[in-house]
Protein backbone atom coordinates (compact mmCIF):
# COMPACT_ATOMS: atom_id res chain seq x y z
CA MET A 1 111.31 93.60 135.25
CA MET A 2 110.48 95.25 138.59
CA TRP A 3 110.08 99.03 138.75
CA ARG A 4 111.28 100.94 141.80
CA LYS A 5 108.65 103.17 143.40
CA VAL A 6 109.76 106.73 144.13
CA TRP A 7 109.10 108.04 147.64
CA THR A 8 109.15 111.56 149.07
CA ALA A 9 108.22 112.95 152.47
CA ALA A 10 104.68 113.30 151.19
CA GLY A 11 104.53 109.67 150.05
CA ILE A 12 104.56 107.95 146.69
CA LEU A 13 105.15 110.15 143.66
CA GLY A 14 103.25 107.79 141.37
CA ALA A 15 102.26 104.21 140.86
CA ALA A 16 103.98 104.08 137.50
CA VAL A 17 105.42 106.17 134.68
CA VAL A 18 104.70 106.56 130.97
CA ALA A 19 106.85 104.46 128.62
CA TYR A 20 107.92 101.08 129.85
CA CYS A 21 104.98 99.78 131.86
CA GLY A 22 102.24 102.36 131.39
CA LEU A 23 102.91 104.06 134.73
CA THR A 24 101.41 107.37 135.86
CA ALA A 25 103.66 110.41 135.43
CA ASN A 26 104.10 113.25 137.95
CA PRO A 27 105.46 116.69 137.04
CA ALA A 28 108.50 118.03 138.86
CA GLN A 29 110.80 121.02 138.86
CA ALA A 30 114.33 119.94 139.81
CA ALA A 31 116.49 117.97 137.36
CA VAL A 32 118.23 115.58 139.81
CA ALA A 33 117.74 115.81 143.59
CA ASP A 34 117.55 113.40 146.51
CA GLY A 35 118.12 110.39 144.28
CA VAL A 36 115.28 111.33 141.92
CA ILE A 37 115.64 112.52 138.31
CA SER A 38 113.01 114.86 136.95
CA LEU A 39 112.99 114.85 133.14
CA GLU A 40 112.82 118.30 131.61
CA GLN A 41 112.68 116.85 128.08
CA PRO A 42 111.55 113.48 126.66
CA ALA A 43 114.29 110.90 127.28
CA THR A 44 114.99 107.74 125.34
CA LEU A 45 115.16 104.61 127.49
CA TYR A 46 118.24 102.44 126.84
CA GLN A 47 119.31 98.95 127.83
CA GLY A 48 122.78 99.62 129.22
CA PHE A 49 124.84 102.78 129.36
CA ASP A 50 128.17 101.96 127.71
CA ALA A 51 129.11 101.49 124.06
CA THR A 52 126.96 98.35 123.83
CA ARG A 53 123.78 100.15 124.88
CA GLN A 54 120.67 99.75 122.74
CA SER A 55 117.56 101.87 122.54
CA THR A 56 114.42 100.13 123.79
CA GLY A 57 112.36 102.20 121.39
CA ARG A 58 110.53 103.73 124.37
CA THR A 59 110.55 107.36 125.47
CA LEU A 60 109.96 108.65 129.00
CA ALA A 61 107.79 111.75 129.01
CA ALA A 62 109.02 115.21 129.93
CA GLY A 63 108.03 116.18 133.47
CA THR A 64 108.08 112.62 134.85
CA ARG A 65 110.18 111.71 137.93
CA TRP A 66 112.20 108.54 138.48
CA ARG A 67 114.19 107.13 141.38
CA VAL A 68 117.83 106.71 140.40
CA SER A 69 119.33 103.42 141.58
CA ALA A 70 122.77 103.97 140.02
CA THR A 71 124.75 106.48 137.97
CA GLN A 72 127.56 106.04 135.47
CA GLU A 73 129.64 108.48 133.46
CA VAL A 74 130.83 107.54 129.97
CA ASP A 75 132.85 109.95 127.85
CA GLY A 76 131.60 112.87 129.90
CA VAL A 77 127.95 111.84 129.61
CA GLN A 78 126.06 111.13 132.85
CA TRP A 79 123.72 108.12 132.79
CA TYR A 80 121.00 107.24 135.32
CA GLU A 81 119.56 103.79 136.00
CA VAL A 82 115.80 104.10 136.60
CA ALA A 83 114.97 100.37 136.48
CA THR A 84 116.92 97.14 136.14
CA ASN A 85 119.38 97.80 133.29
CA ALA A 86 117.15 100.66 132.09
CA TRP A 87 119.13 103.86 131.64
CA VAL A 88 118.48 107.47 130.62
CA THR A 89 120.58 110.57 130.14
CA GLU A 90 119.76 114.25 129.82
CA ASN A 91 122.36 114.64 127.08
CA ALA A 92 120.60 115.85 123.90
CA GLN A 93 122.81 113.64 121.72
CA PHE A 94 120.97 110.57 122.96
CA ASN A 95 117.44 111.96 123.11
CA PRO A 96 114.88 112.81 120.44
CA VAL A 97 114.22 116.38 119.38
CA VAL A 98 110.69 117.57 120.08
CA TYR A 99 109.10 119.27 117.07
CA GLN A 100 105.96 121.35 116.93
CA PRO A 101 103.09 119.86 114.90
CA ILE A 102 102.47 121.38 111.48
CA LYS A 103 99.18 122.42 109.93
CA LEU A 104 98.95 122.34 106.15
CA ALA A 105 97.85 125.53 104.41
CA GLN A 106 97.47 123.91 100.99
CA PRO A 107 96.93 120.48 99.42
CA THR A 108 100.32 118.90 100.07
CA THR A 109 101.99 116.04 98.22
CA LEU A 110 103.32 113.21 100.38
CA TYR A 111 106.82 112.06 99.38
CA THR A 112 108.93 109.01 100.24
CA GLY A 113 111.93 111.20 101.13
CA TYR A 114 113.31 114.73 101.06
CA GLY A 115 116.39 114.48 98.81
CA PRO A 116 116.66 114.88 95.04
CA ASP A 117 115.71 111.21 94.58
CA ARG A 118 112.45 111.63 96.50
CA GLN A 119 109.33 110.11 94.96
CA SER A 120 105.71 111.10 95.24
CA THR A 121 103.51 108.54 96.98
CA GLY A 122 100.59 109.70 94.87
CA ARG A 123 98.75 110.84 98.00
CA VAL A 124 97.71 114.43 98.63
CA LEU A 125 97.14 115.59 102.19
CA PRO A 126 94.21 117.99 102.72
CA ILE A 127 94.27 121.68 103.52
CA GLY A 128 94.06 122.34 107.24
CA SER A 129 95.12 118.88 108.36
CA ALA A 130 97.56 118.76 111.29
CA TRP A 131 100.47 116.32 111.58
CA LYS A 132 102.94 115.33 114.27
CA VAL A 133 106.52 115.99 113.13
CA LEU A 134 109.09 113.27 113.73
CA ASN A 135 112.04 114.96 112.04
CA ARG A 136 112.96 118.15 110.18
CA VAL A 137 115.59 118.55 107.46
CA VAL A 138 116.51 121.65 105.42
CA VAL A 139 117.68 121.06 101.83
CA ASP A 140 118.61 124.00 99.60
CA GLY A 141 116.78 126.33 101.94
CA ILE A 142 113.57 124.27 101.86
CA ALA A 143 112.34 122.68 105.10
CA TRP A 144 111.06 119.10 104.91
CA TYR A 145 109.08 117.39 107.67
CA ALA A 146 108.87 113.67 108.44
CA ILE A 147 105.34 112.72 109.50
CA GLY A 148 105.82 108.96 109.30
CA ALA A 149 108.21 106.27 108.15
CA ASN A 150 109.45 107.38 104.70
CA GLN A 151 106.70 110.01 104.63
CA TRP A 152 107.85 113.59 104.06
CA VAL A 153 106.12 116.86 103.25
CA THR A 154 107.17 120.44 102.66
CA MET A 155 105.28 123.72 102.71
CA ASP A 156 107.28 124.98 99.74
CA THR A 157 105.07 125.49 96.69
CA SER A 158 107.74 124.18 94.30
CA ALA A 159 107.00 120.63 95.52
CA ASN A 160 103.24 121.21 95.73
CA PRO A 161 101.73 122.28 92.40
CA ALA A 162 99.14 124.99 92.94
CA VAL A 163 95.57 123.85 92.54
CA PRO A 164 93.50 126.42 90.64
CA ALA A 165 90.08 127.36 91.96
CA ASN A 166 88.60 126.27 88.64
CA PHE A 167 89.89 124.25 85.69
CA THR A 168 89.39 125.60 82.19
CA ASN A 169 90.00 122.50 80.11
CA ALA A 170 89.85 119.43 82.37
CA VAL A 171 87.97 116.36 81.21
CA LEU A 172 87.29 113.23 83.26
CA THR A 173 86.75 109.94 81.45
CA VAL A 174 85.00 107.29 83.54
CA THR A 175 87.25 104.22 83.66
CA VAL A 176 85.50 102.13 86.32
CA ASN A 177 84.81 99.15 84.09
CA ASN A 178 81.73 97.49 85.55
CA LYS A 179 78.02 97.35 84.79
CA ASN A 180 77.18 100.04 87.35
CA GLY A 181 79.79 102.52 86.18
CA ALA A 182 81.07 105.17 88.60
CA ASN A 183 79.23 106.63 91.56
CA ILE A 184 78.72 110.38 91.91
CA TYR A 185 78.24 112.03 95.30
CA SER A 186 76.74 115.16 96.83
CA THR A 187 80.10 116.38 98.15
CA TYR A 188 83.70 115.27 98.55
CA GLN A 189 83.62 115.48 102.34
CA PRO A 190 82.88 112.53 104.67
CA ASN A 191 79.16 113.41 104.95
CA ARG A 192 78.67 112.71 101.23
CA TYR A 193 75.89 110.52 99.87
CA GLN A 194 75.45 108.93 96.46
CA THR A 195 73.31 110.84 93.98
CA GLY A 196 73.73 108.72 90.85
CA THR A 197 76.07 106.81 88.53
CA LEU A 198 77.93 107.57 85.31
CA PRO A 199 78.46 104.96 82.57
CA PHE A 200 81.84 103.47 81.66
CA ALA A 201 83.80 105.47 79.05
CA SER A 202 81.55 108.54 79.37
CA ARG A 203 83.40 111.87 79.40
CA TRP A 204 82.63 114.84 81.67
CA ARG A 205 84.08 118.29 82.14
CA ALA A 206 85.71 118.67 85.54
CA GLY A 207 85.38 122.14 87.01
CA ARG A 208 87.18 121.81 90.34
CA GLN A 209 89.54 119.57 92.26
CA ALA A 210 89.33 119.08 96.03
CA VAL A 211 90.99 117.02 98.73
CA ALA A 212 88.82 115.40 101.41
CA GLU A 213 89.80 115.19 105.07
CA ASP A 214 91.07 111.63 104.55
CA GLY A 215 93.46 112.81 101.81
CA SER A 216 91.41 111.38 98.93
CA LEU A 217 91.17 113.37 95.70
CA TRP A 218 87.84 114.36 94.12
CA TYR A 219 86.60 116.23 91.03
CA GLN A 220 83.46 118.32 90.69
CA LEU A 221 81.39 117.65 87.58
CA GLY A 222 78.44 119.87 88.45
CA THR A 223 76.52 121.41 91.33
CA ASN A 224 76.65 118.92 94.21
CA GLN A 225 78.13 116.33 91.83
CA TRP A 226 81.51 114.96 92.88
CA ILE A 227 83.40 111.90 91.67
CA SER A 228 86.41 110.15 93.20
CA ALA A 229 89.70 110.36 91.34
CA THR A 230 89.80 106.56 91.45
CA SER A 231 86.75 106.40 89.17
CA GLY A 232 88.31 107.87 86.08
CA ILE A 233 91.21 109.56 84.33
CA THR A 234 91.30 113.34 84.27
CA THR A 235 93.28 115.29 81.71
CA GLY A 236 94.07 118.98 81.98
CA ALA A 237 94.19 118.89 85.79
CA VAL A 238 97.02 119.06 88.37
CA TYR A 239 99.43 116.16 88.96
CA PRO A 240 102.48 115.46 91.13
CA ALA A 241 105.59 117.05 89.61
CA SER A 242 107.34 113.69 89.79
CA ALA A 243 106.41 110.15 90.73
CA GLN A 244 107.95 106.70 90.93
CA ILE A 245 106.26 103.35 91.55
CA ASN A 246 108.42 100.92 93.50
CA GLY A 247 107.91 97.19 93.60
CA VAL A 248 106.88 96.49 90.01
CA PRO A 249 108.63 93.19 89.14
CA LEU A 250 111.03 93.18 86.19
CA ILE A 251 110.35 90.05 84.11
CA ALA A 252 112.38 89.04 81.05
CA GLN A 253 110.41 87.93 78.01
CA ARG A 254 113.30 85.84 76.70
CA PRO A 255 114.01 83.06 76.10
CA GLU A 256 110.45 81.67 76.41
CA LEU A 257 108.59 84.51 74.65
CA PRO A 258 110.83 86.09 71.99
CA ASN A 259 107.76 87.81 70.50
CA GLY A 260 105.81 88.23 73.73
CA CYS A 261 106.74 91.68 75.01
CA GLU A 262 103.12 92.77 75.31
CA ILE A 263 101.95 89.90 77.49
CA THR A 264 105.16 89.97 79.54
CA ALA A 265 104.64 93.68 80.23
CA VAL A 266 101.02 93.03 81.18
CA THR A 267 102.22 90.26 83.51
CA MET A 268 104.50 92.73 85.30
CA MET A 269 101.62 95.17 85.71
CA LEU A 270 99.21 92.50 86.97
CA ARG A 271 101.77 91.07 89.39
CA TYR A 272 102.15 94.53 90.89
CA ALA A 273 98.37 94.73 91.16
CA GLY A 274 98.48 91.56 93.28
CA ALA A 275 97.52 88.94 90.70
CA LYS A 276 99.22 85.57 91.01
CA VAL A 277 99.97 85.07 87.32
CA ASP A 278 102.99 84.27 85.16
CA LYS A 279 103.85 85.21 81.60
CA MET A 280 103.40 81.72 80.13
CA GLN A 281 99.98 81.32 81.73
CA LEU A 282 98.81 84.62 80.28
CA ALA A 283 100.47 83.95 76.92
CA ARG A 284 98.37 80.82 76.58
CA GLU A 285 95.23 82.53 77.91
CA MET A 286 95.20 85.70 75.81
CA PRO A 287 92.89 85.60 72.77
CA ARG A 288 94.14 84.92 69.23
CA SER A 289 93.07 86.69 66.07
CA LYS A 290 94.29 88.02 62.77
CA ASP A 291 93.19 91.44 64.06
CA PRO A 292 95.48 92.67 66.91
CA ASN A 293 92.58 94.66 68.35
CA LYS A 294 90.81 91.34 68.93
CA GLY A 295 93.67 89.00 69.79
CA TYR A 296 97.33 88.10 69.39
CA ILE A 297 98.53 87.40 65.86
CA GLY A 298 100.35 84.07 65.88
CA ASN A 299 102.13 82.72 68.97
CA PRO A 300 104.52 84.74 71.14
CA TRP A 301 106.89 81.78 71.65
CA ASP A 302 107.84 81.35 67.97
CA ARG A 303 108.41 83.28 64.74
CA SER A 304 104.70 83.40 63.93
CA GLY A 305 104.16 85.96 66.69
CA VAL A 306 103.43 89.58 65.77
CA THR A 307 101.56 91.65 68.37
CA ILE A 308 98.36 92.33 70.30
CA PHE A 309 96.76 95.71 71.08
CA PRO A 310 95.05 97.05 74.23
CA PRO A 311 91.40 96.37 73.26
CA ALA A 312 92.17 92.64 73.00
CA LEU A 313 93.77 92.63 76.47
CA MET A 314 90.96 94.39 78.32
CA GLY A 315 89.25 91.16 79.35
CA LEU A 316 92.45 89.64 80.71
CA VAL A 317 93.37 92.75 82.71
CA GLN A 318 89.81 93.09 83.98
CA LYS A 319 89.83 89.46 85.11
CA TYR A 320 93.02 89.69 87.16
CA ALA A 321 93.11 93.35 88.25
CA GLY A 322 89.39 93.95 88.74
CA ASN A 323 89.40 96.84 86.27
CA ALA A 324 90.87 97.64 82.87
CA ILE A 325 91.53 100.98 81.18
CA ASN A 326 92.23 101.30 77.47
CA MET A 327 94.25 104.52 77.42
CA THR A 328 94.88 104.44 73.66
CA GLY A 329 94.81 107.87 72.06
CA MET A 330 94.89 109.76 75.36
CA SER A 331 97.48 112.40 76.24
CA PHE A 332 100.57 112.06 78.44
CA ASP A 333 98.45 113.52 81.25
CA THR A 334 96.82 110.11 81.57
CA ILE A 335 100.20 108.59 82.43
CA ARG A 336 100.82 111.32 84.99
CA TYR A 337 97.38 110.56 86.39
CA GLN A 338 97.80 106.79 86.59
CA VAL A 339 101.41 106.75 87.74
CA GLY A 340 101.46 109.98 89.74
CA LEU A 341 98.08 110.03 91.43
CA ARG A 342 96.88 106.42 91.43
CA GLN A 343 100.28 104.68 91.58
CA HIS A 344 99.21 102.25 88.86
CA PRO A 345 101.82 101.26 86.25
CA VAL A 346 100.95 101.70 82.59
CA VAL A 347 101.81 99.36 79.71
CA ALA A 348 102.63 101.51 76.67
CA TRP A 349 103.36 100.49 73.07
CA LEU A 350 106.50 101.96 71.47
CA THR A 351 108.78 101.34 68.51
CA LEU A 352 112.04 100.01 69.99
CA HIS A 353 114.96 97.62 69.40
CA GLY A 354 114.17 97.39 65.70
CA PHE A 355 110.70 95.96 66.33
CA PRO A 356 107.62 97.55 64.76
CA TYR A 357 105.80 96.96 68.07
CA HIS A 358 107.24 96.82 71.57
CA ALA A 359 105.55 97.21 74.97
CA VAL A 360 107.15 98.65 78.10
CA VAL A 361 105.85 99.28 81.63
CA VAL A 362 105.91 102.96 82.62
CA ILE A 363 106.65 103.29 86.35
CA GLY A 364 107.70 106.91 86.80
CA TYR A 365 108.33 110.39 85.47
CA ASP A 366 109.74 113.75 86.48
CA ALA A 367 109.84 117.15 84.81
CA SER A 368 112.01 115.87 81.95
CA ASN A 369 112.05 112.07 81.74
CA VAL A 370 109.97 108.91 81.75
CA THR A 371 111.11 105.77 83.58
CA TYR A 372 110.04 102.34 82.32
CA LEU A 373 110.77 98.64 82.64
CA ASP A 374 111.85 96.90 79.41
CA CYS A 375 111.29 93.14 79.28
CA TRP A 376 113.49 92.78 76.15
CA THR A 377 116.63 94.17 77.78
CA ASN A 378 115.45 93.06 81.24
CA LYS A 379 116.48 96.49 82.51
CA ARG A 380 115.04 99.77 83.70
CA GLY A 381 115.16 102.47 81.04
CA THR A 382 114.69 106.23 80.80
CA MET A 383 113.65 108.45 77.93
CA SER A 384 112.94 112.15 77.71
CA ILE A 385 109.24 112.97 77.79
CA ALA A 386 109.56 114.60 74.37
CA ALA A 387 111.18 111.49 72.87
CA PHE A 388 108.68 109.22 74.59
CA GLU A 389 105.68 111.14 73.27
CA LYS A 390 107.11 111.21 69.74
CA ASN A 391 107.78 107.45 69.86
CA TRP A 392 104.45 106.69 71.52
CA GLN A 393 102.68 108.59 68.75
CA THR A 394 104.04 106.07 66.18
CA GLN A 395 101.89 103.50 68.00
CA LYS A 396 98.82 105.78 68.08
CA ARG A 397 99.46 106.27 71.81
CA ARG A 398 98.43 102.73 72.64
CA ALA A 399 98.41 101.97 76.38
CA ILE A 400 96.55 99.96 78.97
CA SER A 401 96.28 100.08 82.75
CA TYR A 402 93.77 99.24 85.48
């Protein structure tokens, strides 16, 4: 495509213009004069001008000047051809709105949308960070800002739980399951350096929570001792008010595994984690024992099958996910932590469908309810948090994640 150079009495206005071919822009004052259009606002570049026009996805910068080779009027809207079949208009209906950047005054939760069905991404943006705004929507008096594709934030505190200066009863349990344990650092900011390690399953009081410039979440365990939120599970801290994990596959246990809910649920979790596994493979691979804490009792594909508990599945989850967390006995905060902050699904043991043991995959929660995938019904289910906790307690709060 050839671009037309724009000439004035003084000579060439510019070799090229921002947008289509990386040309150099020149500021101007008049809107349209002497066959030249001067853009007072950013203008979307279209292929065509009539009802069949399509946006090129490019925007010409405000203040740039373009020679007009043709004009057309459609439904009262004036269009200008600035290159071969490349058209712009000054009509606001066809041009993007320019928003001022925002600067965050608090740790701010990043959401997938702005409506009532919005979901937390599990990411927290740091105080003081600045973001370009692509769109702005007001819902129930609350302004929401798009800062990326399906990435929305709001300044309203109702969607951003306040972070206290100090926690009074927060405890971090190290869940990085490897021989080196979890690293601790001098600070949470980018200039941090490692000062030591903490062993797997050790428990530490967390005094503060902070968000680094890259949006990562950290906890302070002591003076100049900081640990990444990805290294453990923290109870008694601050979590997203709601969260939902998308993309966890729903896999039916039947007909192949009528007594294999646990390994089917673990398969769903591992598949989401990126492991290329299937339920039958894992059903054959999981250990066997008369003690469910050491292995599966019987076989999940026939009537001999009973159950298996999290300790016996740690090795399998560690092998395919790179880490394994036995969450048994922990509070509901651990589910908020895994699902809300880390975006890791949790396999939880309940008493359902007349079975003494049944495992589901928890993928979300809000202020009132828990959302889970049920491999027996092959459907998504919901349960109030109160009912879930009461049911979960019948299984001694057994759960596993990674």
